N, C-alpha and C. Protein backbone atom coordinates (compact mmCIF):
# COMPACT_ATOMS: atom_id res chain seq x y z
N UNK A 1 15.36 10.90 225.87
CA UNK A 1 15.03 10.83 227.28
C UNK A 1 13.68 10.13 227.44
N UNK A 2 13.63 9.11 228.24
CA UNK A 2 12.41 8.35 228.45
C UNK A 2 11.79 8.79 229.77
N UNK A 3 10.53 9.18 229.69
CA UNK A 3 9.82 9.64 230.89
C UNK A 3 8.74 8.64 231.26
N UNK A 4 8.25 8.73 232.48
CA UNK A 4 7.10 7.92 232.85
C UNK A 4 5.86 8.57 232.25
N UNK A 5 4.90 7.76 231.89
CA UNK A 5 3.72 8.29 231.22
C UNK A 5 2.67 8.74 232.23
N UNK A 6 1.74 9.54 231.72
CA UNK A 6 0.66 10.05 232.54
C UNK A 6 -0.54 9.10 232.45
N UNK A 7 -1.03 8.64 233.57
CA UNK A 7 -2.19 7.76 233.58
C UNK A 7 -3.41 8.47 233.00
N UNK A 8 -3.48 9.79 233.18
CA UNK A 8 -4.62 10.57 232.68
C UNK A 8 -4.61 10.62 231.16
N UNK A 9 -3.43 10.74 230.59
CA UNK A 9 -3.30 10.72 229.13
C UNK A 9 -3.69 9.34 228.59
N UNK A 10 -3.27 8.30 229.28
CA UNK A 10 -3.62 6.94 228.87
C UNK A 10 -5.12 6.73 228.94
N UNK A 11 -5.76 7.16 230.02
CA UNK A 11 -7.21 7.00 230.16
C UNK A 11 -7.97 7.79 229.09
N UNK A 12 -7.51 8.99 228.80
CA UNK A 12 -8.09 9.81 227.74
C UNK A 12 -8.04 9.06 226.41
N UNK A 13 -6.88 8.54 226.06
CA UNK A 13 -6.72 7.85 224.79
C UNK A 13 -7.49 6.53 224.76
N UNK A 14 -7.57 5.85 225.88
CA UNK A 14 -8.34 4.60 225.94
C UNK A 14 -9.83 4.85 225.74
N UNK A 15 -10.34 5.94 226.27
CA UNK A 15 -11.75 6.28 226.06
C UNK A 15 -12.04 6.46 224.57
N UNK A 16 -11.16 7.15 223.88
CA UNK A 16 -11.35 7.32 222.44
C UNK A 16 -11.14 5.99 221.71
N UNK A 17 -10.19 5.18 222.19
CA UNK A 17 -9.92 3.90 221.54
C UNK A 17 -11.12 2.95 221.66
N UNK A 18 -11.97 3.17 222.63
CA UNK A 18 -13.20 2.36 222.77
C UNK A 18 -14.31 2.96 221.92
N UNK A 19 -14.33 4.26 221.78
CA UNK A 19 -15.41 4.94 221.06
C UNK A 19 -15.34 4.73 219.55
N UNK A 20 -14.16 4.83 218.96
CA UNK A 20 -14.06 4.73 217.51
C UNK A 20 -14.49 3.39 216.95
N UNK A 21 -14.18 2.25 217.58
CA UNK A 21 -14.66 0.98 217.04
C UNK A 21 -16.19 0.90 216.97
N UNK A 22 -16.87 1.58 217.89
CA UNK A 22 -18.34 1.61 217.85
C UNK A 22 -18.79 2.30 216.56
N UNK A 23 -18.16 3.42 216.22
CA UNK A 23 -18.49 4.14 215.00
C UNK A 23 -18.15 3.31 213.76
N UNK A 24 -17.01 2.64 213.79
CA UNK A 24 -16.60 1.79 212.67
C UNK A 24 -17.57 0.63 212.50
N UNK A 25 -17.95 -0.01 213.59
CA UNK A 25 -18.88 -1.14 213.53
C UNK A 25 -20.23 -0.71 212.96
N UNK A 26 -20.70 0.46 213.35
CA UNK A 26 -21.97 0.97 212.82
C UNK A 26 -21.87 1.20 211.32
N UNK A 27 -20.77 1.78 210.87
CA UNK A 27 -20.57 2.01 209.44
C UNK A 27 -20.54 0.68 208.67
N UNK A 28 -19.85 -0.30 209.22
CA UNK A 28 -19.77 -1.60 208.56
C UNK A 28 -21.12 -2.32 208.55
N UNK A 29 -21.85 -2.20 209.63
CA UNK A 29 -23.14 -2.89 209.75
C UNK A 29 -24.21 -2.25 208.87
N UNK A 30 -24.31 -0.94 208.89
CA UNK A 30 -25.39 -0.26 208.18
C UNK A 30 -24.98 0.25 206.80
N UNK A 31 -23.68 0.44 206.60
CA UNK A 31 -23.15 1.03 205.36
C UNK A 31 -23.73 2.42 205.10
N UNK A 32 -24.11 3.09 206.18
CA UNK A 32 -24.64 4.45 206.11
C UNK A 32 -23.68 5.38 206.85
N UNK A 33 -23.19 6.39 206.11
CA UNK A 33 -22.23 7.33 206.70
C UNK A 33 -22.71 8.77 206.61
N UNK A 34 -23.92 8.95 206.09
CA UNK A 34 -24.50 10.29 206.04
C UNK A 34 -24.54 10.83 207.47
N UNK A 35 -24.11 12.04 207.65
CA UNK A 35 -24.09 12.65 208.99
C UNK A 35 -22.72 12.64 209.61
N UNK A 36 -21.82 11.80 209.11
CA UNK A 36 -20.45 11.84 209.60
C UNK A 36 -19.72 12.96 208.88
N UNK A 37 -18.74 13.53 209.55
CA UNK A 37 -18.00 14.65 208.99
C UNK A 37 -16.57 14.25 208.66
N UNK A 38 -16.23 14.20 207.37
CA UNK A 38 -14.85 13.87 207.02
C UNK A 38 -13.87 14.96 207.50
N UNK A 39 -14.32 16.20 207.55
CA UNK A 39 -13.47 17.28 208.06
C UNK A 39 -13.14 17.05 209.53
N UNK A 40 -14.16 16.71 210.32
CA UNK A 40 -13.95 16.43 211.74
C UNK A 40 -12.97 15.27 211.92
N UNK A 41 -13.21 14.18 211.20
CA UNK A 41 -12.32 13.01 211.33
C UNK A 41 -10.90 13.36 210.92
N UNK A 42 -10.75 14.17 209.87
CA UNK A 42 -9.42 14.58 209.42
C UNK A 42 -8.71 15.42 210.48
N UNK A 43 -9.45 16.30 211.12
CA UNK A 43 -8.87 17.12 212.19
C UNK A 43 -8.48 16.27 213.40
N UNK A 44 -9.27 15.27 213.70
CA UNK A 44 -8.93 14.37 214.81
C UNK A 44 -7.64 13.61 214.49
N UNK A 45 -7.54 13.11 213.24
CA UNK A 45 -6.32 12.42 212.82
C UNK A 45 -5.13 13.37 212.94
N UNK A 46 -5.29 14.61 212.48
CA UNK A 46 -4.22 15.60 212.59
C UNK A 46 -3.83 15.81 214.05
N UNK A 47 -4.81 15.87 214.93
CA UNK A 47 -4.52 16.01 216.36
C UNK A 47 -3.69 14.84 216.89
N UNK A 48 -4.04 13.62 216.47
CA UNK A 48 -3.25 12.46 216.89
C UNK A 48 -1.84 12.52 216.32
N UNK A 49 -1.70 12.99 215.08
CA UNK A 49 -0.37 13.13 214.48
C UNK A 49 0.46 14.12 215.29
N UNK A 50 -0.16 15.23 215.71
CA UNK A 50 0.55 16.20 216.55
C UNK A 50 0.94 15.56 217.89
N UNK A 51 0.06 14.73 218.45
CA UNK A 51 0.39 14.02 219.69
C UNK A 51 1.57 13.09 219.50
N UNK A 52 1.62 12.40 218.36
CA UNK A 52 2.73 11.50 218.06
C UNK A 52 4.03 12.31 217.94
N UNK A 53 3.96 13.43 217.23
CA UNK A 53 5.15 14.28 217.08
C UNK A 53 5.64 14.75 218.44
N UNK A 54 4.71 15.17 219.31
CA UNK A 54 5.10 15.60 220.65
C UNK A 54 5.80 14.47 221.40
N UNK A 55 5.23 13.27 221.30
CA UNK A 55 5.83 12.13 221.99
C UNK A 55 7.24 11.84 221.47
N UNK A 56 7.42 11.91 220.17
CA UNK A 56 8.74 11.64 219.59
C UNK A 56 9.76 12.70 220.02
N UNK A 57 9.35 13.96 220.02
CA UNK A 57 10.30 15.04 220.30
C UNK A 57 10.53 15.32 221.78
N UNK A 58 9.48 15.18 222.61
CA UNK A 58 9.59 15.67 223.99
C UNK A 58 9.27 14.68 225.10
N UNK A 59 8.55 13.63 224.79
CA UNK A 59 8.06 12.79 225.88
C UNK A 59 7.96 11.34 225.44
N UNK A 60 9.08 10.76 225.11
CA UNK A 60 9.08 9.39 224.60
C UNK A 60 8.64 8.40 225.67
N UNK A 61 7.50 7.78 225.39
CA UNK A 61 7.00 6.72 226.26
C UNK A 61 6.05 5.84 225.45
N UNK A 62 5.55 4.80 226.08
CA UNK A 62 4.73 3.82 225.37
C UNK A 62 3.37 4.37 224.93
N UNK A 63 3.00 5.51 225.45
CA UNK A 63 1.71 6.12 225.10
C UNK A 63 1.64 6.46 223.61
N UNK A 64 2.79 6.61 222.98
CA UNK A 64 2.82 6.90 221.55
C UNK A 64 2.03 5.85 220.77
N UNK A 65 2.05 4.60 221.25
CA UNK A 65 1.32 3.53 220.56
C UNK A 65 -0.19 3.72 220.64
N UNK A 66 -0.67 4.32 221.72
CA UNK A 66 -2.09 4.63 221.81
C UNK A 66 -2.47 5.72 220.82
N UNK A 67 -1.62 6.72 220.66
CA UNK A 67 -1.86 7.75 219.65
C UNK A 67 -1.92 7.12 218.26
N UNK A 68 -0.98 6.25 217.98
CA UNK A 68 -0.92 5.60 216.68
C UNK A 68 -2.15 4.70 216.45
N UNK A 69 -2.53 3.96 217.47
CA UNK A 69 -3.71 3.09 217.37
C UNK A 69 -4.97 3.91 217.12
N UNK A 70 -5.13 4.99 217.86
CA UNK A 70 -6.30 5.85 217.67
C UNK A 70 -6.31 6.48 216.28
N UNK A 71 -5.15 6.92 215.81
CA UNK A 71 -5.08 7.49 214.46
C UNK A 71 -5.47 6.45 213.43
N UNK A 72 -5.08 5.21 213.64
CA UNK A 72 -5.45 4.12 212.73
C UNK A 72 -6.96 3.89 212.76
N UNK A 73 -7.56 3.93 213.94
CA UNK A 73 -9.00 3.73 214.05
C UNK A 73 -9.77 4.83 213.32
N UNK A 74 -9.38 6.08 213.54
CA UNK A 74 -10.08 7.19 212.88
C UNK A 74 -9.85 7.15 211.38
N UNK A 75 -8.66 6.77 210.97
CA UNK A 75 -8.37 6.63 209.54
C UNK A 75 -9.24 5.55 208.91
N UNK A 76 -9.49 4.48 209.64
CA UNK A 76 -10.38 3.42 209.15
C UNK A 76 -11.79 3.95 209.00
N UNK A 77 -12.26 4.71 209.96
CA UNK A 77 -13.60 5.30 209.88
C UNK A 77 -13.69 6.27 208.70
N UNK A 78 -12.65 7.05 208.49
CA UNK A 78 -12.61 7.99 207.36
C UNK A 78 -12.61 7.24 206.03
N UNK A 79 -11.86 6.15 205.95
CA UNK A 79 -11.85 5.31 204.76
C UNK A 79 -13.25 4.78 204.46
N UNK A 80 -13.94 4.30 205.49
CA UNK A 80 -15.30 3.79 205.31
C UNK A 80 -16.25 4.89 204.85
N UNK A 81 -16.04 6.10 205.34
CA UNK A 81 -16.86 7.22 204.90
C UNK A 81 -16.75 7.37 203.38
N UNK A 82 -15.54 7.44 202.88
CA UNK A 82 -15.35 7.63 201.44
C UNK A 82 -15.79 6.40 200.64
N UNK A 83 -15.71 5.23 201.25
CA UNK A 83 -16.15 4.01 200.59
C UNK A 83 -17.67 4.01 200.38
N UNK A 84 -18.43 4.48 201.37
CA UNK A 84 -19.89 4.38 201.33
C UNK A 84 -20.63 5.65 200.95
N UNK A 85 -19.99 6.81 200.99
CA UNK A 85 -20.72 8.07 200.82
C UNK A 85 -21.35 8.20 199.43
N UNK A 86 -20.68 7.74 198.39
CA UNK A 86 -21.25 7.83 197.05
C UNK A 86 -22.54 7.05 196.94
N UNK A 87 -22.54 5.84 197.45
CA UNK A 87 -23.74 5.00 197.44
C UNK A 87 -24.84 5.63 198.28
N UNK A 88 -24.48 6.17 199.43
CA UNK A 88 -25.47 6.82 200.31
C UNK A 88 -26.14 8.00 199.62
N UNK A 89 -25.35 8.83 198.96
CA UNK A 89 -25.91 10.00 198.27
C UNK A 89 -26.82 9.56 197.12
N UNK A 90 -26.39 8.54 196.40
CA UNK A 90 -27.19 8.03 195.28
C UNK A 90 -28.53 7.50 195.78
N UNK A 91 -28.50 6.73 196.86
CA UNK A 91 -29.74 6.19 197.44
C UNK A 91 -30.64 7.33 197.95
N UNK A 92 -30.04 8.35 198.53
CA UNK A 92 -30.80 9.49 199.04
C UNK A 92 -31.48 10.22 197.89
N UNK A 93 -30.77 10.41 196.79
CA UNK A 93 -31.35 11.08 195.63
C UNK A 93 -32.48 10.26 195.02
N UNK A 94 -32.30 8.95 194.95
CA UNK A 94 -33.34 8.08 194.41
C UNK A 94 -34.57 8.09 195.31
N UNK A 95 -34.38 8.16 196.59
CA UNK A 95 -35.48 8.21 197.54
C UNK A 95 -36.26 9.50 197.43
N UNK A 96 -35.60 10.60 197.10
CA UNK A 96 -36.26 11.89 196.96
C UNK A 96 -37.07 11.97 195.68
N UNK A 97 -36.73 11.18 194.67
CA UNK A 97 -37.44 11.20 193.38
C UNK A 97 -38.76 10.46 193.45
N UNK A 98 -38.89 9.56 194.39
CA UNK A 98 -40.10 8.73 194.48
C UNK A 98 -41.22 9.42 195.19
């Protein structure tokens, strides 16, 4: 069953879709991820997965693509966290020794 989508849900997801690229860009520019929470990002991804499941089971509409896009953005940020965190910790430890 295909339903019409909620403009409020779309606006909610678009706000997040604008916010995550800012976080990703900062990680790419500075290569500093200290202070980011992988647990938080994982829970956000899980929330988007639950939103996708809801869309598939109960409310099939184009908004599912916004959930998928947002999950991809947060997954990218989480990937960058794991890519840079080892180097960040090493630099932090070296800075404390001096």
